């Protein structure tokens, strides 16, 4: 299981557990539903933010090692540890505008 899949699994497991806990709390204690749902929503937002905070830095999606500050190629950056090709968040090499090397004779 690669690093990105483990993060997704942890987030899914936490949200599923939180949902079951909220449903159990509402049904067993007869508390009003809106305050319990509001607290659960806030807890879910904080937990997902905490679990995915490492995705801000360029990290390998295969093993979680930080990637060097190299410009990505057409398909991304290759991890030196595991060989996984990761497309970092941000601009792609193909998205950059072509450099104008001078005026063309037809437009001059």
C-alpha atoms as a PDB file:
ATOM      1  CA  UNK A   1       0.000   0.000   0.000  1.00  0.00           C
ATOM      2  CA  UNK A   2       1.571   3.299  -1.049  1.00  0.00           C
ATOM      3  CA  UNK A   3       1.751   6.396   1.117  1.00  0.00           C
ATOM      4  CA  UNK A   4      -1.126   8.248  -0.539  1.00  0.00           C
ATOM      5  CA  UNK A   5      -3.436   5.237  -0.185  1.00  0.00           C
ATOM      6  CA  UNK A   6      -2.581   4.973   3.532  1.00  0.00           C
ATOM      7  CA  UNK A   7      -3.541   8.634   4.053  1.00  0.00           C
ATOM      8  CA  UNK A   8      -6.826   8.101   2.206  1.00  0.00           C
ATOM      9  CA  UNK A   9      -7.536   4.987   4.271  1.00  0.00           C
ATOM     10  CA  UNK A  10      -6.826   6.804   7.561  1.00  0.00           C
ATOM     11  CA  UNK A  11      -9.117   9.699   6.611  1.00  0.00           C
ATOM     12  CA  UNK A  12     -11.859   7.300   5.517  1.00  0.00           C
ATOM     13  CA  UNK A  13     -11.558   5.233   8.697  1.00  0.00           C
ATOM     14  CA  UNK A  14     -11.652   8.340  10.900  1.00  0.00           C
ATOM     15  CA  UNK A  15     -14.687   9.817   9.137  1.00  0.00           C
ATOM     16  CA  UNK A  16     -16.528   6.488   9.229  1.00  0.00           C
ATOM     17  CA  UNK A  17     -15.810   6.099  12.945  1.00  0.00           C
ATOM     18  CA  UNK A  18     -16.876   9.685  13.614  1.00  0.00           C
ATOM     19  CA  UNK A  19     -20.119   9.167  11.701  1.00  0.00           C
ATOM     20  CA  UNK A  20     -20.931   6.019  13.669  1.00  0.00           C
ATOM     21  CA  UNK A  21     -20.097   7.776  16.944  1.00  0.00           C
ATOM     22  CA  UNK A  22     -22.396  10.690  16.079  1.00  0.00           C
ATOM     23  CA  UNK A  23     -25.256   8.387  15.108  1.00  0.00           C
ATOM     24  CA  UNK A  24     -24.793   6.396  18.309  1.00  0.00           C
ATOM     25  CA  UNK A  25     -24.670   9.538  20.446  1.00  0.00           C
ATOM     26  CA  UNK A  26     -27.829  10.952  18.888  1.00  0.00           C
ATOM     27  CA  UNK A  27     -29.783   7.702  19.097  1.00  0.00           C
ATOM     28  CA  UNK A  28     -28.720   6.635  22.610  1.00  0.00           C
ATOM     29  CA  UNK A  29     -28.826   9.942  24.457  1.00  0.00           C
ATOM     30  CA  UNK A  30     -31.686  11.671  22.637  1.00  0.00           C
ATOM     31  CA  UNK A  31     -29.600  14.839  22.269  1.00  0.00           C
ATOM     32  CA  UNK A  32     -30.699  17.376  19.690  1.00  0.00           C
ATOM     33  CA  UNK A  33     -29.072  16.435  16.401  1.00  0.00           C
ATOM     34  CA  UNK A  34     -27.801  19.819  15.128  1.00  0.00           C
ATOM     35  CA  UNK A  35     -25.292  20.562  17.921  1.00  0.00           C
ATOM     36  CA  UNK A  36     -23.880  17.034  17.741  1.00  0.00           C
ATOM     37  CA  UNK A  37     -23.589  17.206  13.960  1.00  0.00           C
ATOM     38  CA  UNK A  38     -21.936  20.637  14.193  1.00  0.00           C
ATOM     39  CA  UNK A  39     -19.312  19.420  16.651  1.00  0.00           C
ATOM     40  CA  UNK A  40     -18.712  16.336  14.490  1.00  0.00           C
ATOM     41  CA  UNK A  41     -18.292  18.483  11.375  1.00  0.00           C
ATOM     42  CA  UNK A  42     -15.752  20.700  13.144  1.00  0.00           C
ATOM     43  CA  UNK A  43     -13.859  17.651  14.423  1.00  0.00           C
ATOM     44  CA  UNK A  44     -13.822  16.150  10.934  1.00  0.00           C
ATOM     45  CA  UNK A  45     -12.489  19.369   9.389  1.00  0.00           C
ATOM     46  CA  UNK A  46      -9.684  19.636  11.944  1.00  0.00           C
ATOM     47  CA  UNK A  47      -8.758  15.950  11.637  1.00  0.00           C
ATOM     48  CA  UNK A  48      -8.689  15.900   7.835  1.00  0.00           C
ATOM     49  CA  UNK A  49      -6.612  19.097   7.815  1.00  0.00           C
ATOM     50  CA  UNK A  50      -4.166  17.545  10.279  1.00  0.00           C
ATOM     51  CA  UNK A  51      -3.915  14.233   8.408  1.00  0.00           C
ATOM     52  CA  UNK A  52      -3.304  15.867   5.022  1.00  0.00           C
ATOM     53  CA  UNK A  53      -1.005  18.689   6.137  1.00  0.00           C
ATOM     54  CA  UNK A  54       2.083  16.941   4.723  1.00  0.00           C
ATOM     55  CA  UNK A  55       0.638  17.214   1.221  1.00  0.00           C
ATOM     56  CA  UNK A  56       1.524  20.926   1.136  1.00  0.00           C
ATOM     57  CA  UNK A  57       5.215  20.136   0.703  1.00  0.00           C
ATOM     58  CA  UNK A  58       6.359  18.231  -2.381  1.00  0.00           C
ATOM     59  CA  UNK A  59       6.434  14.626  -1.153  1.00  0.00           C
ATOM     60  CA  UNK A  60       6.493  11.310  -2.974  1.00  0.00           C
ATOM     61  CA  UNK A  61       3.020   9.786  -3.161  1.00  0.00           C
ATOM     62  CA  UNK A  62       4.577   6.322  -3.111  1.00  0.00           C
ATOM     63  CA  UNK A  63       6.737   6.381   0.011  1.00  0.00           C
ATOM     64  CA  UNK A  64       6.276   9.832   1.638  1.00  0.00           C
ATOM     65  CA  UNK A  65       9.870  11.044   1.244  1.00  0.00           C
ATOM     66  CA  UNK A  66      10.302  14.757   0.515  1.00  0.00           C
ATOM     67  CA  UNK A  67      11.127  15.414  -3.122  1.00  0.00           C
ATOM     68  CA  UNK A  68      14.028  17.630  -4.136  1.00  0.00           C
ATOM     69  CA  UNK A  69      13.416  21.098  -5.531  1.00  0.00           C
ATOM     70  CA  UNK A  70      13.710  20.003  -9.146  1.00  0.00           C
ATOM     71  CA  UNK A  71      11.404  21.261 -11.867  1.00  0.00           C
ATOM     72  CA  UNK A  72       8.942  18.540 -12.857  1.00  0.00           C
ATOM     73  CA  UNK A  73       9.176  16.925 -16.251  1.00  0.00           C
ATOM     74  CA  UNK A  74       6.236  16.099 -18.471  1.00  0.00           C
ATOM     75  CA  UNK A  75       4.990  13.419 -16.079  1.00  0.00           C
ATOM     76  CA  UNK A  76       6.281  14.752 -12.742  1.00  0.00           C
ATOM     77  CA  UNK A  77       9.280  14.203 -10.485  1.00  0.00           C
ATOM     78  CA  UNK A  78      10.816  10.751 -10.049  1.00  0.00           C
ATOM     79  CA  UNK A  79      11.467   9.757  -6.439  1.00  0.00           C
ATOM     80  CA  UNK A  80      15.069   8.740  -5.786  1.00  0.00           C
ATOM     81  CA  UNK A  81      13.999   6.279  -3.054  1.00  0.00           C
ATOM     82  CA  UNK A  82      11.247   4.221  -4.702  1.00  0.00           C
ATOM     83  CA  UNK A  83      11.076   5.382  -8.342  1.00  0.00           C
ATOM     84  CA  UNK A  84       7.446   6.526  -8.059  1.00  0.00           C
ATOM     85  CA  UNK A  85       6.561   9.371 -10.441  1.00  0.00           C
ATOM     86  CA  UNK A  86       4.789  12.107  -8.503  1.00  0.00           C
ATOM     87  CA  UNK A  87       3.121  15.094 -10.053  1.00  0.00           C
ATOM     88  CA  UNK A  88       3.656  17.869  -7.495  1.00  0.00           C
ATOM     89  CA  UNK A  89       0.975  20.441  -6.865  1.00  0.00           C
ATOM     90  CA  UNK A  90       1.634  23.488  -9.000  1.00  0.00           C
ATOM     91  CA  UNK A  91       2.492  24.198 -12.574  1.00  0.00           C
ATOM     92  CA  UNK A  92       3.501  21.492 -15.001  1.00  0.00           C
ATOM     93  CA  UNK A  93       6.377  21.844 -17.395  1.00  0.00           C
ATOM     94  CA  UNK A  94       3.899  21.481 -20.268  1.00  0.00           C
ATOM     95  CA  UNK A  95       1.720  24.295 -18.843  1.00  0.00           C
ATOM     96  CA  UNK A  96       4.462  26.889 -19.120  1.00  0.00           C
ATOM     97  CA  UNK A  97       4.119  29.373 -21.933  1.00  0.00           C
ATOM     98  CA  UNK A  98       6.599  28.961 -24.782  1.00  0.00           C
ATOM     99  CA  UNK A  99       9.463  31.402 -24.860  1.00  0.00           C
ATOM    100  CA  UNK A 100       9.304  33.815 -27.779  1.00  0.00           C
ATOM    101  CA  UNK A 101      12.740  33.760 -29.397  1.00  0.00           C
ATOM    102  CA  UNK A 102      12.194  36.787 -31.544  1.00  0.00           C
ATOM    103  CA  UNK A 103       9.864  38.116 -34.144  1.00  0.00           C
ATOM    104  CA  UNK A 104       8.896  36.004 -37.067  1.00  0.00           C
ATOM    105  CA  UNK A 105       9.614  37.429 -40.540  1.00  0.00           C
ATOM    106  CA  UNK A 106       5.936  37.137 -41.475  1.00  0.00           C
ATOM    107  CA  UNK A 107       4.827  39.281 -38.515  1.00  0.00           C
ATOM    108  CA  UNK A 108       7.573  41.886 -38.889  1.00  0.00           C
END
